[in-house]
């Protein structure tokens, strides 16, 4: 798949096939793409905690408060993305330019993860509704959890939906 095909085929999956595990080689390819994603001053101010089995179920439950993300417990893999400190150069730049590079870097990381997962024939959903304290305890991490990505094979009835996007003229100004 080229990148446009990946973009056209990637969607937020809310119906996973819990009987199909993610192969290690596919997971490793996704993690390698994540490792190669660009970040401010190459600081990579994030950490990925890979959760499978019962840990994945615990992570899913920590993302299901108030009836949200009911589908998450069917995903065989949960990627917990936590924020790490900047390196010195990125920290100085963030301070001087009043810009949160970590959030940008985590967004880029997430795009790489979801794109590579799609290229590998897997589906994802990016979860921002989560219980940070519970996730830190489950995963044994000290830093703030920014998001969780569900990962697995979509169920057979999870068909590709039409993209609902703004018109290009609403998004782009050419000067």
Protein backbone atom coordinates (compact mmCIF):
# COMPACT_ATOMS: atom_id res chain seq x y z
CA UNK A 1 0.00 0.00 0.00
CA UNK A 2 1.17 3.53 -0.68
CA UNK A 3 0.49 6.20 1.93
CA UNK A 4 -2.72 7.47 0.32
CA UNK A 5 -4.08 3.92 0.28
CA UNK A 6 -3.16 3.58 3.96
CA UNK A 7 -4.96 6.85 4.72
CA UNK A 8 -8.03 5.74 2.80
CA UNK A 9 -8.15 2.33 4.53
CA UNK A 10 -7.32 3.33 8.11
CA UNK A 11 -10.29 3.90 10.37
CA UNK A 12 -11.05 3.71 14.06
CA UNK A 13 -11.95 0.09 14.70
CA UNK A 14 -14.67 -0.55 17.23
CA UNK A 15 -15.21 -4.23 16.50
CA UNK A 16 -12.23 -6.54 16.98
CA UNK A 17 -11.94 -10.26 16.42
CA UNK A 18 -10.78 -11.45 19.87
CA UNK A 19 -9.90 -14.90 18.50
CA UNK A 20 -7.12 -13.59 16.23
CA UNK A 21 -3.90 -12.72 18.04
CA UNK A 22 -1.49 -10.18 16.60
CA UNK A 23 1.61 -11.88 15.24
CA UNK A 24 4.89 -10.86 16.88
CA UNK A 25 6.46 -9.97 13.54
CA UNK A 26 3.63 -7.52 12.77
CA UNK A 27 3.79 -6.00 16.24
CA UNK A 28 7.57 -5.67 15.91
CA UNK A 29 7.19 -3.91 12.53
CA UNK A 30 4.76 -1.44 14.11
CA UNK A 31 7.10 -0.78 17.02
CA UNK A 32 10.04 -0.30 14.65
CA UNK A 33 8.04 2.28 12.67
CA UNK A 34 7.25 4.00 15.96
CA UNK A 35 10.95 4.04 16.84
CA UNK A 36 11.71 5.71 13.52
CA UNK A 37 9.06 8.44 13.85
CA UNK A 38 10.45 11.99 13.93
CA UNK A 39 10.44 14.07 17.09
CA UNK A 40 11.72 17.49 18.13
CA UNK A 41 15.52 17.30 18.50
CA UNK A 42 15.16 13.50 18.20
CA UNK A 43 14.14 13.53 21.85
CA UNK A 44 11.42 10.86 21.57
CA UNK A 45 9.68 12.13 24.73
CA UNK A 46 7.36 9.15 25.07
CA UNK A 47 7.31 5.52 26.08
CA UNK A 48 5.21 2.68 24.68
CA UNK A 49 3.99 -0.05 27.02
CA UNK A 50 2.72 -3.09 25.10
CA UNK A 51 -0.04 -4.96 26.92
CA UNK A 52 -1.45 -8.36 25.92
CA UNK A 53 -3.67 -10.96 27.56
CA UNK A 54 -5.03 -10.08 30.99
CA UNK A 55 -3.00 -6.84 31.12
CA UNK A 56 -4.70 -5.73 27.89
CA UNK A 57 -8.08 -6.44 29.48
CA UNK A 58 -7.12 -4.37 32.55
CA UNK A 59 -5.98 -1.52 30.32
CA UNK A 60 -9.23 -1.70 28.36
CA UNK A 61 -11.24 -1.51 31.58
CA UNK A 62 -9.27 1.61 32.60
CA UNK A 63 -10.45 3.20 29.34
CA UNK A 64 -14.12 2.30 29.73
CA UNK A 65 -15.37 4.73 32.36
CA UNK A 66 -18.89 6.14 31.97
CA UNK A 67 -19.72 3.63 29.22
CA UNK A 68 -16.99 4.74 26.84
CA UNK A 69 -14.87 2.46 24.61
CA UNK A 70 -17.01 -0.63 25.24
CA UNK A 71 -15.27 -2.42 22.35
CA UNK A 72 -11.75 -2.03 23.77
CA UNK A 73 -11.72 -5.27 25.77
CA UNK A 74 -11.93 -7.26 22.51
CA UNK A 75 -8.62 -5.84 21.20
CA UNK A 76 -5.81 -8.34 21.84
CA UNK A 77 -3.13 -5.64 22.17
CA UNK A 78 -3.19 -2.28 23.93
CA UNK A 79 -0.38 0.23 23.41
CA UNK A 80 -0.16 2.64 26.33
CA UNK A 81 1.62 5.84 25.36
CA UNK A 82 3.10 7.80 28.24
CA UNK A 83 4.86 11.14 28.18
CA UNK A 84 8.54 11.30 29.07
CA UNK A 85 10.78 14.31 29.74
CA UNK A 86 12.29 16.25 26.86
CA UNK A 87 15.99 16.10 26.16
CA UNK A 88 17.78 19.37 27.02
CA UNK A 89 17.67 20.85 23.53
CA UNK A 90 13.94 20.19 23.07
CA UNK A 91 13.21 21.46 26.59
CA UNK A 92 14.97 24.76 25.86
CA UNK A 93 13.16 25.10 22.52
CA UNK A 94 9.79 24.35 24.11
CA UNK A 95 10.38 26.99 26.77
CA UNK A 96 11.69 29.65 24.38
CA UNK A 97 8.98 29.10 21.78
CA UNK A 98 6.15 28.34 24.23
CA UNK A 99 5.30 25.18 22.31
CA UNK A 100 4.44 21.74 23.68
CA UNK A 101 6.62 19.60 21.44
CA UNK A 102 5.83 16.44 23.40
CA UNK A 103 2.18 16.54 22.35
CA UNK A 104 3.22 17.09 18.75
CA UNK A 105 5.75 14.25 18.94
CA UNK A 106 3.18 11.89 20.47
CA UNK A 107 0.78 12.79 17.66
CA UNK A 108 3.42 11.96 15.05
CA UNK A 109 4.25 8.71 16.87
CA UNK A 110 0.57 7.78 16.87
CA UNK A 111 0.27 8.49 13.16
CA UNK A 112 3.24 6.21 12.45
CA UNK A 113 1.82 3.43 14.64
CA UNK A 114 -1.65 3.56 13.10
CA UNK A 115 -0.32 3.83 9.54
CA UNK A 116 2.04 0.87 9.93
CA UNK A 117 -0.69 -1.18 11.60
CA UNK A 118 -2.93 -0.53 8.59
CA UNK A 119 -0.10 -1.52 6.23
CA UNK A 120 0.24 -4.76 8.24
CA UNK A 121 -3.49 -5.52 7.81
CA UNK A 122 -4.33 -4.63 11.41
CA UNK A 123 -6.80 -2.16 12.84
CA UNK A 124 -6.47 0.48 15.55
CA UNK A 125 -8.41 2.97 17.59
CA UNK A 126 -6.87 5.90 19.46
CA UNK A 127 -8.35 6.29 22.94
CA UNK A 128 -8.10 9.53 24.87
CA UNK A 129 -10.79 8.64 27.41
CA UNK A 130 -8.76 6.91 30.09
CA UNK A 131 -7.99 6.70 33.79
CA UNK A 132 -4.40 7.88 34.07
CA UNK A 133 -3.88 6.72 37.67
CA UNK A 134 -5.22 3.21 37.00
CA UNK A 135 -3.13 2.87 33.86
CA UNK A 136 0.03 3.95 35.67
CA UNK A 137 -0.62 1.28 38.29
CA UNK A 138 -1.47 -1.45 35.76
CA UNK A 139 1.60 -0.70 33.63
CA UNK A 140 4.01 0.19 36.42
CA UNK A 141 4.83 3.58 34.94
CA UNK A 142 5.44 6.91 36.63
CA UNK A 143 4.75 9.39 33.84
CA UNK A 144 1.45 10.75 32.56
CA UNK A 145 -0.44 8.50 30.16
CA UNK A 146 -1.42 10.53 27.12
CA UNK A 147 -3.37 7.95 25.11
CA UNK A 148 -3.97 4.28 24.46
CA UNK A 149 -4.07 2.61 21.05
CA UNK A 150 -6.11 -0.56 20.60
CA UNK A 151 -4.58 -2.99 18.12
CA UNK A 152 -5.87 -6.15 16.49
CA UNK A 153 -7.74 -7.63 13.59
CA UNK A 154 -11.11 -6.12 12.81
CA UNK A 155 -14.05 -8.50 12.98
CA UNK A 156 -15.45 -9.64 9.63
CA UNK A 157 -18.49 -7.34 9.98
CA UNK A 158 -16.36 -4.20 10.51
CA UNK A 159 -16.64 -2.79 7.00
CA UNK A 160 -14.74 0.24 5.71
CA UNK A 161 -16.84 3.35 6.29
CA UNK A 162 -16.99 6.38 4.01
CA UNK A 163 -14.64 9.15 5.18
CA UNK A 164 -16.39 12.27 6.49
CA UNK A 165 -13.89 15.07 6.13
CA UNK A 166 -13.96 18.81 5.56
CA UNK A 167 -13.68 20.04 2.01
CA UNK A 168 -10.07 20.79 0.98
CA UNK A 169 -10.92 24.51 0.64
CA UNK A 170 -11.90 24.62 4.31
CA UNK A 171 -8.58 23.11 5.35
CA UNK A 172 -6.12 24.72 2.99
CA UNK A 173 -5.26 28.31 2.13
CA UNK A 174 -2.77 28.79 -0.67
CA UNK A 175 -0.88 32.09 -0.68
